[in-house]
Protein backbone atom coordinates (compact mmCIF):
# COMPACT_ATOMS: atom_id res chain seq x y z
CA MET A 1 -51.81 211.21 -51.98
CA THR A 2 -52.40 214.95 -51.83
CA GLY A 3 -52.60 215.01 -48.06
CA PRO A 4 -49.20 213.27 -47.31
CA THR A 5 -47.53 215.14 -50.17
CA THR A 6 -48.81 218.57 -48.99
CA ALA A 7 -47.74 217.60 -45.52
CA TRP A 8 -44.21 216.68 -46.75
CA SER A 9 -44.08 219.89 -48.82
CA ARG A 10 -45.15 222.05 -45.94
CA SER A 11 -42.50 220.27 -43.57
CA GLY A 12 -40.02 221.21 -46.14
CA GLU A 13 -41.13 224.77 -46.29
CA ALA A 14 -41.09 224.98 -42.50
CA VAL A 15 -37.60 223.59 -42.25
CA GLU A 16 -36.31 226.11 -44.87
CA ALA A 17 -37.96 228.93 -43.18
CA ALA A 18 -36.46 227.97 -39.84
CA LEU A 19 -32.90 227.49 -41.26
CA HIS A 20 -33.09 230.73 -43.25
CA ALA A 21 -34.08 232.71 -40.14
CA TYR A 22 -31.51 231.14 -37.88
CA PHE A 23 -28.85 230.42 -40.56
CA TRP A 24 -26.02 232.66 -39.35
CA ARG A 25 -26.76 231.94 -35.69
CA LEU A 26 -26.42 228.33 -36.41
CA ALA A 27 -23.33 229.08 -38.49
CA VAL A 28 -21.72 230.95 -35.52
CA LEU A 29 -22.55 228.14 -33.17
CA LEU A 30 -20.91 225.51 -35.38
CA GLY A 31 -17.93 227.80 -35.96
CA ILE A 32 -17.50 228.12 -32.17
CA LEU A 33 -17.66 224.45 -31.60
CA LEU A 34 -15.25 223.76 -34.35
CA LEU A 35 -12.81 226.46 -33.08
CA ALA A 36 -13.07 225.18 -29.44
CA SER A 37 -12.49 221.62 -30.34
CA SER A 38 -9.65 222.44 -32.76
CA ILE A 39 -7.84 224.68 -30.19
CA THR A 40 -8.30 221.83 -27.46
CA ILE A 41 -6.53 219.45 -29.94
CA ASP A 42 -3.87 222.10 -30.68
CA LEU A 43 -2.97 222.24 -27.10
CA ARG A 44 -3.08 218.34 -26.59
CA LYS A 45 -1.53 216.97 -29.73
CA LYS A 46 2.22 216.45 -29.95
CA MET A 47 3.96 218.30 -32.68
CA TRP A 48 5.46 216.37 -35.53
CA ILE A 49 8.62 217.15 -37.56
CA ASP A 50 7.21 219.62 -40.10
CA GLU A 51 5.55 221.63 -37.14
CA LEU A 52 8.91 221.60 -35.42
CA TYR A 53 10.53 222.98 -38.53
CA THR A 54 7.95 225.77 -38.26
CA LEU A 55 8.84 226.32 -34.62
CA HIS A 56 12.51 226.51 -35.21
CA MET A 57 12.05 228.93 -38.16
CA ALA A 58 9.61 231.13 -36.03
CA ARG A 59 12.28 231.21 -33.13
CA GLN A 60 14.86 233.10 -35.34
CA ALA A 61 15.74 236.45 -34.09
CA SER A 62 13.96 238.39 -36.74
CA LEU A 63 11.91 238.39 -39.85
CA THR A 64 15.07 238.98 -41.83
CA GLY A 65 16.51 235.98 -40.04
CA ILE A 66 13.52 233.78 -41.06
CA VAL A 67 14.04 234.66 -44.74
CA GLN A 68 17.88 234.15 -44.52
CA ALA A 69 17.26 230.73 -42.87
CA THR A 70 14.89 229.87 -45.73
CA LEU A 71 17.58 230.84 -48.27
CA GLU A 72 20.09 228.55 -46.55
CA GLY A 73 17.61 225.69 -46.88
CA CYS A 74 16.32 225.23 -43.28
CA ASP A 75 12.75 224.68 -44.62
CA GLY A 76 11.43 224.18 -48.15
CA VAL A 77 8.38 226.21 -47.76
CA PRO A 78 7.80 230.04 -48.10
CA PRO A 79 8.67 231.95 -44.88
CA LEU A 80 5.46 233.76 -44.39
CA TYR A 81 3.69 231.29 -42.05
CA ALA A 82 6.89 231.19 -39.84
CA MET A 83 6.82 234.99 -39.74
CA ILE A 84 3.16 234.89 -38.52
CA VAL A 85 4.05 232.26 -35.83
CA HIS A 86 7.08 234.49 -35.04
CA GLY A 87 4.82 237.43 -34.28
CA ILE A 88 2.51 235.46 -31.96
CA LEU A 89 5.07 233.39 -30.07
CA PRO A 90 5.63 236.27 -27.54
CA TRP A 91 1.92 236.34 -26.68
CA ILE A 92 1.04 232.69 -26.57
CA ARG A 93 3.07 230.67 -24.07
CA ASN A 94 2.01 227.15 -25.44
CA GLU A 95 4.24 226.82 -28.47
CA ALA A 96 2.11 224.08 -30.00
CA LEU A 97 -0.86 226.44 -29.97
CA ALA A 98 1.13 229.22 -31.38
CA VAL A 99 2.49 227.07 -34.19
CA ARG A 100 -1.03 225.76 -35.06
CA LEU A 101 -3.33 228.74 -34.25
CA PRO A 102 -3.01 230.57 -37.61
CA SER A 103 -3.91 227.37 -39.52
CA THR A 104 -6.85 226.78 -37.18
CA LEU A 105 -8.19 230.31 -37.73
CA GLY A 106 -7.76 229.98 -41.37
CA PHE A 107 -9.68 226.73 -41.41
CA CYS A 108 -12.52 228.27 -39.61
CA ALA A 109 -12.43 231.26 -41.98
CA MET A 110 -12.90 228.80 -44.82
CA VAL A 111 -15.90 227.48 -43.29
CA PHE A 112 -17.64 231.01 -43.02
CA CYS A 113 -16.46 232.02 -46.49
CA LEU A 114 -17.94 228.91 -48.00
CA LEU A 115 -21.29 229.46 -46.16
CA ALA A 116 -21.40 233.06 -47.36
CA PHE A 117 -20.64 232.05 -50.91
CA CYS A 118 -23.41 229.54 -51.02
CA TRP A 119 -25.94 231.49 -48.93
CA ARG A 120 -26.52 233.78 -51.74
CA ARG A 121 -27.39 231.04 -54.24
CA TRP A 122 -29.16 228.11 -52.45
CA PRO A 123 -31.79 227.30 -49.92
CA ALA A 124 -30.22 227.45 -46.39
CA ALA A 125 -30.19 223.58 -45.92
CA TYR A 126 -28.01 223.16 -49.07
CA ALA A 127 -25.79 226.11 -48.35
CA LEU A 128 -24.49 224.18 -45.38
CA LEU A 129 -23.21 221.38 -47.59
CA PRO A 130 -19.94 222.70 -49.20
CA ALA A 131 -18.62 223.98 -45.79
CA LEU A 132 -19.42 220.70 -44.18
CA LEU A 133 -17.85 218.70 -47.17
CA ALA A 134 -14.73 220.77 -47.27
CA SER A 135 -14.40 220.49 -43.46
CA ASN A 136 -14.79 216.78 -43.51
CA ALA A 137 -12.24 216.33 -46.34
CA ALA A 138 -9.58 218.64 -44.73
CA LEU A 139 -10.34 218.29 -41.02
CA GLY A 140 -6.86 217.19 -40.04
CA TYR A 141 -5.41 220.33 -41.34
CA SER A 142 -7.41 222.42 -38.91
CA THR A 143 -4.93 221.43 -36.32
CA ASP A 144 -1.74 221.21 -38.33
CA GLY A 145 1.07 223.79 -37.71
CA ARG A 146 1.88 224.35 -41.32
CA SER A 147 0.37 226.73 -43.86
CA TYR A 148 -2.42 224.47 -45.27
CA GLY A 149 -5.29 225.61 -43.06
CA LEU A 150 -4.40 229.21 -43.76
CA VAL A 151 -4.26 228.58 -47.44
CA LEU A 152 -7.73 227.04 -47.25
CA GLY A 153 -9.01 230.11 -45.67
CA CYS A 154 -7.39 232.46 -48.21
CA THR A 155 -8.79 230.34 -51.15
CA ALA A 156 -12.29 230.52 -49.85
CA ALA A 157 -12.04 234.15 -49.08
CA ALA A 158 -10.70 234.82 -52.64
CA LEU A 159 -13.77 232.97 -54.07
CA LEU A 160 -16.08 234.99 -51.92
CA CYS A 161 -14.45 238.25 -52.87
CA TRP A 162 -14.55 237.31 -56.54
CA GLN A 163 -18.14 236.51 -56.34
CA GLY A 164 -18.83 239.83 -54.71
CA ALA A 165 -16.78 241.65 -57.43
CA THR A 166 -18.67 239.92 -60.27
CA GLU A 167 -21.98 241.01 -58.65
CA ASN A 168 -20.73 244.78 -58.20
CA ARG A 169 -21.00 244.44 -54.42
CA ARG A 170 -18.55 246.80 -52.59
CA ARG A 171 -15.98 246.54 -55.37
CA MET A 172 -13.80 249.09 -53.69
CA VAL A 173 -13.32 246.38 -51.00
CA THR A 174 -13.77 243.12 -52.69
CA VAL A 175 -11.37 243.64 -55.54
CA PRO A 176 -8.50 244.76 -53.41
CA LEU A 177 -9.37 241.75 -50.92
CA LEU A 178 -9.36 239.36 -53.87
CA ALA A 179 -5.79 240.47 -54.70
CA PHE A 180 -4.68 240.22 -51.09
CA CYS A 181 -6.07 236.87 -50.49
CA LEU A 182 -4.41 235.44 -53.64
CA MET A 183 -1.09 236.97 -52.76
CA ALA A 184 -1.27 235.67 -49.19
CA ALA A 185 -2.21 232.14 -50.34
CA ILE A 186 0.77 231.95 -52.83
CA ALA A 187 3.12 233.48 -50.28
CA LEU A 188 2.05 230.78 -47.86
CA HIS A 189 2.53 227.92 -50.45
CA TYR A 190 3.89 228.05 -53.97
CA PHE A 191 1.39 225.53 -55.30
CA ALA A 192 -1.37 227.90 -54.38
CA ILE A 193 -0.46 229.72 -57.77
CA PHE A 194 -2.93 227.16 -59.43
CA ILE A 195 -5.69 228.91 -57.48
CA VAL A 196 -5.51 231.78 -60.04
CA ALA A 197 -6.26 229.54 -63.05
CA PRO A 198 -9.91 228.63 -62.20
CA LEU A 199 -10.80 232.18 -61.50
CA PHE A 200 -9.18 233.37 -64.76
CA LEU A 201 -11.06 230.92 -66.78
CA ALA A 202 -14.29 231.99 -64.99
CA GLU A 203 -13.42 235.54 -65.88
CA LEU A 204 -13.03 234.69 -69.56
CA VAL A 205 -16.44 232.98 -69.55
CA ARG A 206 -17.89 236.09 -67.83
CA ALA A 207 -16.28 238.38 -70.40
CA ARG A 208 -17.91 236.35 -73.21
CA GLU A 209 -21.28 236.70 -71.49
CA THR A 210 -20.97 240.55 -70.72
CA ARG A 211 -18.99 241.26 -73.86
CA LYS A 212 -16.42 243.17 -71.86
CA LEU A 213 -13.36 242.53 -69.83
CA ASP A 214 -13.40 243.32 -66.04
CA PHE A 215 -9.98 244.86 -65.91
CA PRO A 216 -9.77 245.46 -62.05
CA VAL A 217 -10.60 241.90 -61.39
CA LEU A 218 -8.07 240.74 -64.02
CA ILE A 219 -5.46 242.96 -62.44
CA ALA A 220 -6.20 241.39 -59.09
CA LEU A 221 -5.81 238.01 -60.52
CA ALA A 222 -2.42 239.03 -62.06
CA THR A 223 -0.99 239.78 -58.62
CA GLY A 224 -0.60 235.99 -58.01
CA PRO A 225 2.24 235.40 -60.58
CA LEU A 226 3.91 238.58 -59.39
CA VAL A 227 4.08 237.18 -55.85
CA LEU A 228 5.52 234.02 -57.17
CA ALA A 229 8.20 236.01 -59.08
CA LEU A 230 9.11 237.87 -55.99
CA HIS A 231 9.82 234.57 -54.26
CA TYR A 232 12.11 233.42 -57.16
CA PRO A 233 15.35 233.63 -54.97
CA LEU A 234 13.70 231.43 -52.30
CA ILE A 235 12.42 229.07 -54.95
CA ALA A 236 15.79 228.77 -56.62
CA ALA A 237 17.54 228.08 -53.03
CA GLY A 238 15.01 225.36 -52.37
CA ARG A 239 16.02 223.35 -55.54
CA THR A 240 18.79 221.87 -53.64
CA LEU A 241 16.21 219.94 -51.63
CA GLN A 242 14.45 218.68 -54.77
CA ALA A 243 17.28 216.64 -56.46
CA HIS A 244 16.45 213.59 -54.37
CA TYR A 245 13.22 214.61 -52.80
CA TRP A 246 11.20 212.33 -50.42
CA ALA A 247 8.08 212.60 -52.46
CA PRO A 248 8.70 212.45 -56.25
CA ALA A 249 5.80 213.17 -58.52
CA GLN A 250 4.10 209.84 -58.92
CA LEU A 251 0.66 209.16 -60.57
CA SER A 252 -0.54 207.14 -57.52
CA VAL A 253 -0.37 210.22 -55.52
CA LEU A 254 -2.66 212.11 -57.93
CA LEU A 255 -5.06 209.20 -57.86
CA TRP A 256 -5.02 209.31 -53.98
CA VAL A 257 -5.92 213.07 -54.19
CA TYR A 258 -9.21 212.22 -56.11
CA GLU A 259 -9.97 209.14 -54.11
CA TRP A 260 -9.59 211.15 -50.71
CA ASN A 261 -11.29 214.08 -52.12
CA GLY A 262 -14.18 212.30 -53.87
CA MET A 263 -14.78 209.30 -51.57
CA MET A 264 -14.62 211.31 -48.23
CA MET A 265 -16.73 214.24 -49.61
CA PHE A 266 -19.25 212.55 -51.88
CA LEU A 267 -19.76 208.91 -51.12
CA LEU A 268 -21.95 209.25 -48.02
CA PRO A 269 -24.06 212.16 -49.23
CA ALA A 270 -24.63 210.26 -52.45
CA LEU A 271 -25.74 207.15 -50.67
CA VAL A 272 -28.19 209.23 -48.48
CA LEU A 273 -29.46 210.94 -51.80
CA ILE A 274 -30.00 207.71 -53.40
CA ALA A 275 -31.88 206.30 -50.42
CA LEU A 276 -34.10 209.35 -50.34
CA TRP A 277 -34.64 209.15 -54.21
CA ASN A 278 -36.05 205.75 -53.95
CA MET A 279 -38.66 206.64 -51.27
CA PRO A 280 -42.30 206.52 -52.17
CA ASP A 281 -43.23 209.11 -54.80
CA LEU A 282 -45.45 210.93 -52.27
CA LEU A 283 -42.19 212.26 -50.67
CA LEU A 284 -40.90 213.65 -53.87
CA ALA A 285 -43.82 214.81 -55.84
CA ASP A 286 -43.65 218.44 -55.08
CA ARG A 287 -39.97 218.93 -55.81
CA PRO A 288 -38.99 222.02 -57.80
CA PRO A 289 -37.84 221.26 -61.33
CA ALA A 290 -34.22 220.24 -61.74
CA SER A 291 -33.44 222.67 -64.55
CA ARG A 292 -32.62 225.46 -62.06
CA LEU A 293 -28.93 226.23 -61.84
CA PRO A 294 -27.56 226.62 -58.29
CA LEU A 295 -24.53 228.49 -59.66
CA THR A 296 -23.95 231.07 -62.38
CA ILE A 297 -22.19 229.74 -65.42
CA PRO A 298 -18.72 231.43 -64.40
CA GLU A 299 -19.10 229.97 -60.98
CA TRP A 300 -19.64 226.53 -62.42
CA VAL A 301 -16.47 226.99 -64.47
CA ALA A 302 -14.47 228.05 -61.46
CA ALA A 303 -15.76 225.13 -59.27
CA VAL A 304 -15.22 222.54 -61.89
CA ALA A 305 -11.73 224.00 -62.76
CA PHE A 306 -10.72 223.71 -59.07
CA LEU A 307 -11.68 220.03 -59.22
CA LEU A 308 -9.35 219.55 -62.26
CA MET A 309 -6.41 221.79 -61.08
CA PRO A 310 -4.60 219.05 -59.33
CA VAL A 311 -4.00 217.31 -62.73
CA ALA A 312 -2.41 220.52 -64.08
CA ALA A 313 -0.36 220.94 -60.94
CA PHE A 314 0.86 217.28 -61.20
CA VAL A 315 1.78 217.51 -64.92
CA LEU A 316 3.60 220.85 -64.46
CA SER A 317 5.41 219.70 -61.28
CA LYS A 318 6.32 216.28 -62.90
CA TYR A 319 8.32 218.05 -65.64
CA THR A 320 9.73 220.86 -63.60
CA ALA A 321 10.45 220.50 -59.81
CA GLY A 322 9.61 216.78 -59.95
CA VAL A 323 7.84 216.77 -56.53
CA PHE A 324 4.19 216.27 -55.74
CA VAL A 325 2.40 215.68 -52.32
CA ASP A 326 -1.33 215.43 -51.98
CA ARG A 327 -1.58 218.17 -49.26
CA TYR A 328 0.14 220.61 -51.75
CA VAL A 329 -3.08 220.75 -53.64
CA LEU A 330 -5.46 220.75 -50.67
CA TRP A 331 -7.00 223.97 -51.77
CA MET A 332 -8.83 222.05 -54.29
CA VAL A 333 -11.46 221.02 -51.73
CA VAL A 334 -12.76 224.65 -51.57
CA GLY A 335 -13.81 224.74 -55.21
CA SER A 336 -14.71 221.01 -55.47
CA ALA A 337 -16.94 221.14 -52.42
CA ILE A 338 -18.91 223.94 -54.21
CA ALA A 339 -19.09 221.78 -57.32
CA ILE A 340 -20.26 218.78 -55.44
CA GLY A 341 -22.59 220.70 -53.34
CA ALA A 342 -24.21 222.25 -56.48
CA SER A 343 -24.56 218.91 -58.02
CA LEU A 344 -26.35 217.60 -54.93
CA CYS A 345 -28.60 220.72 -55.18
CA ASN A 346 -29.73 219.63 -58.59
CA ALA A 347 -29.90 216.03 -57.71
CA GLY A 348 -32.06 216.69 -54.55
CA ARG A 349 -34.26 219.23 -56.59
CA LEU A 350 -33.57 221.70 -53.86
CA ASN A 351 -35.76 219.87 -51.46
CA PRO A 352 -34.98 221.25 -47.99
CA LEU A 353 -35.55 217.92 -46.22
CA VAL A 354 -33.08 216.12 -48.52
CA GLY A 355 -30.54 218.82 -48.05
CA LEU A 356 -30.85 218.90 -44.25
CA GLY A 357 -30.65 215.08 -44.17
CA MET A 358 -27.23 215.21 -46.05
CA ALA A 359 -26.03 218.10 -43.88
CA VAL A 360 -26.87 216.26 -40.70
CA CYS A 361 -25.05 213.10 -41.81
CA ILE A 362 -21.94 214.94 -42.72
CA LEU A 363 -22.11 216.97 -39.56
CA ALA A 364 -22.50 213.73 -37.60
CA ILE A 365 -19.27 212.39 -39.31
CA ILE A 366 -17.22 215.51 -38.41
CA GLY A 367 -18.54 215.47 -34.85
CA ALA A 368 -17.55 211.85 -34.50
CA ARG A 369 -13.99 212.59 -35.89
CA GLU A 370 -13.54 215.59 -33.44
CA VAL A 371 -14.69 213.50 -30.52
CA VAL A 372 -12.19 210.84 -31.50
CA GLY A 373 -9.50 213.49 -31.79
CA LEU A 374 -10.29 214.89 -28.40
CA ARG A 375 -10.27 211.42 -26.68
CA GLU A 376 -7.11 210.14 -28.29
CA ARG A 377 -4.05 209.91 -26.04
CA PRO A 378 -1.44 212.43 -27.39
CA LEU A 379 1.46 210.37 -28.79
CA LEU A 380 4.62 211.22 -30.67
CA ARG A 381 4.03 210.40 -34.32
CA GLU A 382 7.48 208.88 -35.00
CA SER A 383 9.27 208.46 -31.82
CA GLU A 384 6.77 207.17 -29.13
CA SER A 385 8.64 203.77 -28.65
CA ALA A 386 12.05 205.35 -28.45
CA TYR A 387 10.65 208.12 -26.16
CA ARG A 388 9.31 205.54 -23.74
CA GLU A 389 12.40 203.46 -23.65
CA LEU A 390 14.61 206.57 -23.15
CA GLU A 391 12.46 207.82 -20.31
CA ARG A 392 13.17 204.63 -18.46
CA LEU A 393 16.91 205.12 -18.53
CA PRO A 394 18.60 206.27 -15.37
CA PRO A 395 20.67 209.44 -15.45
CA ASP A 396 23.97 208.88 -17.46
CA SER A 397 26.49 210.85 -19.56
CA GLN A 398 26.66 208.32 -22.49
CA PRO A 399 25.65 210.08 -25.70
CA VAL A 400 22.42 208.91 -27.37
CA VAL A 401 22.80 208.90 -31.09
CA VAL A 402 19.44 209.01 -32.96
CA ALA A 403 19.29 207.26 -36.44
CA ASN A 404 16.24 208.79 -37.80
CA HIS A 405 15.84 212.64 -38.28
CA HIS A 406 12.10 212.53 -37.64
CA VAL A 407 12.68 210.84 -34.40
CA PHE A 408 15.55 213.14 -33.35
CA MET A 409 13.46 216.11 -33.97
CA GLU A 410 10.52 214.98 -31.89
CA LEU A 411 12.80 213.82 -29.01
CA SER A 412 14.84 217.02 -29.04
CA TYR A 413 11.70 218.82 -28.07
CA TYR A 414 9.73 216.33 -25.85
CA ALA A 415 12.46 214.31 -24.07
CA ARG A 416 13.24 215.33 -20.48
CA PRO A 417 16.05 218.00 -20.27
CA ASP A 418 18.91 215.72 -19.18
CA LEU A 419 18.16 213.34 -22.21
CA ARG A 420 17.90 216.17 -24.64
CA GLU A 421 21.41 217.18 -23.77
CA ARG A 422 22.64 213.73 -24.69
CA LEU A 423 20.93 213.40 -28.08
CA ILE A 424 23.02 213.54 -31.20
CA TYR A 425 21.92 213.30 -34.92
CA PRO A 426 24.77 211.86 -37.15
CA LEU A 427 24.58 213.74 -40.33
CA SER A 428 25.58 211.97 -43.53
CA ILE A 429 23.97 213.02 -46.89
CA SER A 430 25.86 210.32 -48.66
CA LEU A 431 24.60 207.46 -46.34
CA ASP A 432 20.94 208.56 -46.63
CA LEU A 433 21.27 208.65 -50.49
CA ARG A 434 23.04 205.36 -50.45
CA TYR A 435 20.42 203.49 -48.41
CA ASN A 436 17.22 205.44 -48.81
CA ASN A 437 17.70 207.26 -52.19
CA VAL A 438 16.65 210.54 -50.69
CA ASP A 439 18.52 213.35 -48.90
CA THR A 440 15.70 215.98 -48.08
CA GLY A 441 15.91 215.65 -44.38
CA PRO A 442 19.73 215.60 -43.94
CA ARG A 443 20.03 218.65 -46.22
CA ILE A 444 17.54 220.58 -44.17
CA PHE A 445 19.39 219.41 -41.14
CA SER A 446 22.71 220.55 -42.53
CA ALA A 447 21.45 224.16 -42.84
CA LEU A 448 19.46 223.96 -39.61
CA ARG A 449 22.25 223.06 -37.34
CA HIS A 450 23.73 226.57 -37.89
CA ARG A 451 20.45 228.18 -36.90
CA THR A 452 19.47 226.17 -33.81
CA THR A 453 20.96 224.55 -30.76
CA LEU A 454 20.21 221.05 -31.90
CA ARG A 455 23.16 218.71 -31.71
CA ILE A 456 23.46 217.81 -35.49
CA VAL A 457 27.00 216.49 -36.00
CA ASP A 458 28.79 215.10 -39.02
CA TYR A 459 28.60 211.27 -39.04
CA ASP A 460 32.36 210.70 -38.99
CA THR A 461 32.90 213.20 -36.13
CA VAL A 462 30.41 211.35 -33.98
CA LEU A 463 32.19 208.11 -34.41
CA GLN A 464 35.59 209.69 -33.73
CA SER A 465 34.42 211.57 -30.67
CA ASN A 466 32.15 208.87 -29.12
CA PRO A 467 33.48 205.29 -29.77
CA ARG A 468 30.98 203.90 -27.40
CA PHE A 469 27.39 205.19 -27.29
CA LEU A 470 23.64 204.36 -27.28
CA LEU A 471 21.83 204.10 -30.48
CA ALA A 472 18.06 204.83 -30.88
CA ALA A 473 16.91 203.19 -34.07
CA SER A 474 13.94 201.19 -35.38
CA SER A 475 13.92 198.23 -37.81
CA LYS A 476 13.33 200.77 -40.70
CA ASP A 477 16.54 202.58 -40.05
CA TYR A 478 19.81 201.71 -41.84
CA LEU A 479 22.30 202.86 -39.31
CA PRO A 480 22.43 199.73 -37.12
CA TRP A 481 23.21 197.55 -40.11
CA HIS A 482 25.70 199.93 -41.45
CA LEU A 483 27.52 200.08 -38.08
CA VAL A 484 27.70 196.25 -38.10
CA ARG A 485 29.02 196.12 -41.55
CA THR A 486 31.74 198.52 -40.61
CA GLY A 487 32.84 196.48 -37.65
CA TYR A 488 30.79 197.84 -34.68
CA ARG A 489 29.25 195.58 -32.18
CA VAL A 490 25.55 196.60 -31.86
CA THR A 491 23.46 194.74 -29.35
CA PRO A 492 19.98 195.54 -27.90
CA LEU A 493 20.16 197.45 -24.62
CA GLY A 494 18.02 194.91 -22.72
CA PRO A 495 15.73 191.83 -23.26
CA GLY A 496 12.63 194.03 -23.88
CA SER A 497 14.36 196.81 -25.90
CA THR A 498 13.26 197.31 -29.43
CA THR A 499 14.67 200.73 -30.25
CA LEU A 500 17.77 201.18 -28.04
CA TYR A 501 21.14 199.59 -28.71
CA GLN A 502 24.59 199.71 -27.13
CA VAL A 503 27.15 200.29 -29.64
CA GLU A 504 30.74 199.24 -28.91
CA PRO A 505 33.79 200.18 -31.00
CA PRO A 506 35.44 197.75 -33.51
CA ALA A 507 38.61 196.07 -32.89
CA LYS A 508 39.77 196.84 -36.42
CA PRO A 509 40.04 200.15 -38.16
CA ILE A 510 36.86 202.18 -38.56
CA LEU A 511 35.44 202.57 -42.06
CA THR A 512 33.91 206.05 -42.32
CA SER A 513 30.99 207.33 -44.36
CA SER A 514 33.42 208.27 -47.09
CA ASN A 515 34.66 204.71 -47.27
CA PRO A 516 31.59 202.70 -46.26
CA GLY A 517 32.61 199.37 -47.67
CA PRO A 518 30.30 197.18 -49.81
CA PRO A 519 26.51 197.62 -49.53
């Protein structure tokens, strides 16, 4: 068995030598392919409501206007991302690309920072794994016009700078950059404050090892809470959106975070590893011992803490703001990808062929997902059916009342110009609370109507001004049923119509939203 074993060992050494020699060339090639495919999707994919919020915020006349609009409740997120988009809108004519480009670039930055972080610790084949794992878990956010892709980039850059600072590499650069990346991440999304905790815990462990505190690094970490404190007026203003939020903190959401993070990032590599582990002994005879640690102890602490931080974020949010969405803790994939990659290093005994096999499998999944995204027909997320029916309508002056604020926002951007002028959203916070038990969207619209040209009109005013109108609504919307209960005649516009209705005035006095009648 010496011959086959030696051949396997030599093959692994040859693979590692080739990957090591061409690692960064390969990384640049992968980065270019990811950037090109992401930008192509940026250009093709239709924007959804959150991205359109970003666009309307970025269209404000000045940076001060963006901050003031945030204070008024036009968006529930920090204004920094909209400010960045505001700065690039004059230079990029395609608004969808302008809205998404910062997030796309941040996502690509995450990939390179993870590669650099692991390159210093592991064989080249294994150094690819965390970047690929994180990319696979968060791929959809590489083309999302919100702050999440940029937060991922800032998180990975902060980890890389922290690693450099702990190794005394260019501390005059790495320590200030660490502070900058943390401040930027938190200014992009308030939940990014939890990024500081894993690094602080790792610093405590490092201080115990070295028997001294690293004050420059600790000061850099302390900038995070400072940024959050500076945003307090914005946070306080946003509390009006949280009383009846669309996504209350629920345990099922937290469990989904770990299912999505664990299953998508770990299951396939684990299956591949198990298959390789059960190969004949001749393939694995010359593996290095498993005792070698692929990370320093403080790095292990930081990576594992990242994996556990969503629990802390959930508990704190549950008893404070009361809101929790899985993408709010998306940054966890950066640290957890390193933790999972390091575990795979140990399990694979640093065998280059095992690492390369796992990397190729994950890369194939990412490639397949990108191809699917490139080939998919661009569709509106919420309003495709209504859009198609409206586009078939002949020119008319009859107003079109849109029952759903998601649908209204998409149609207001993508419908043809003569239709956009006819669209009206009937604003009624009380009706949304009554039927849906949430009021986040209507409250944002209440503020947004003063900052945009969107036709957002009080519900009662809509009925008084337009006794006869077209209604765009789906089976999920309450407005058709509410109109029927208040005496209106609501009939499908045609035999094949599923989203458009003709609304006729009632013969008896109208019940308004302030007197809606029995449920």
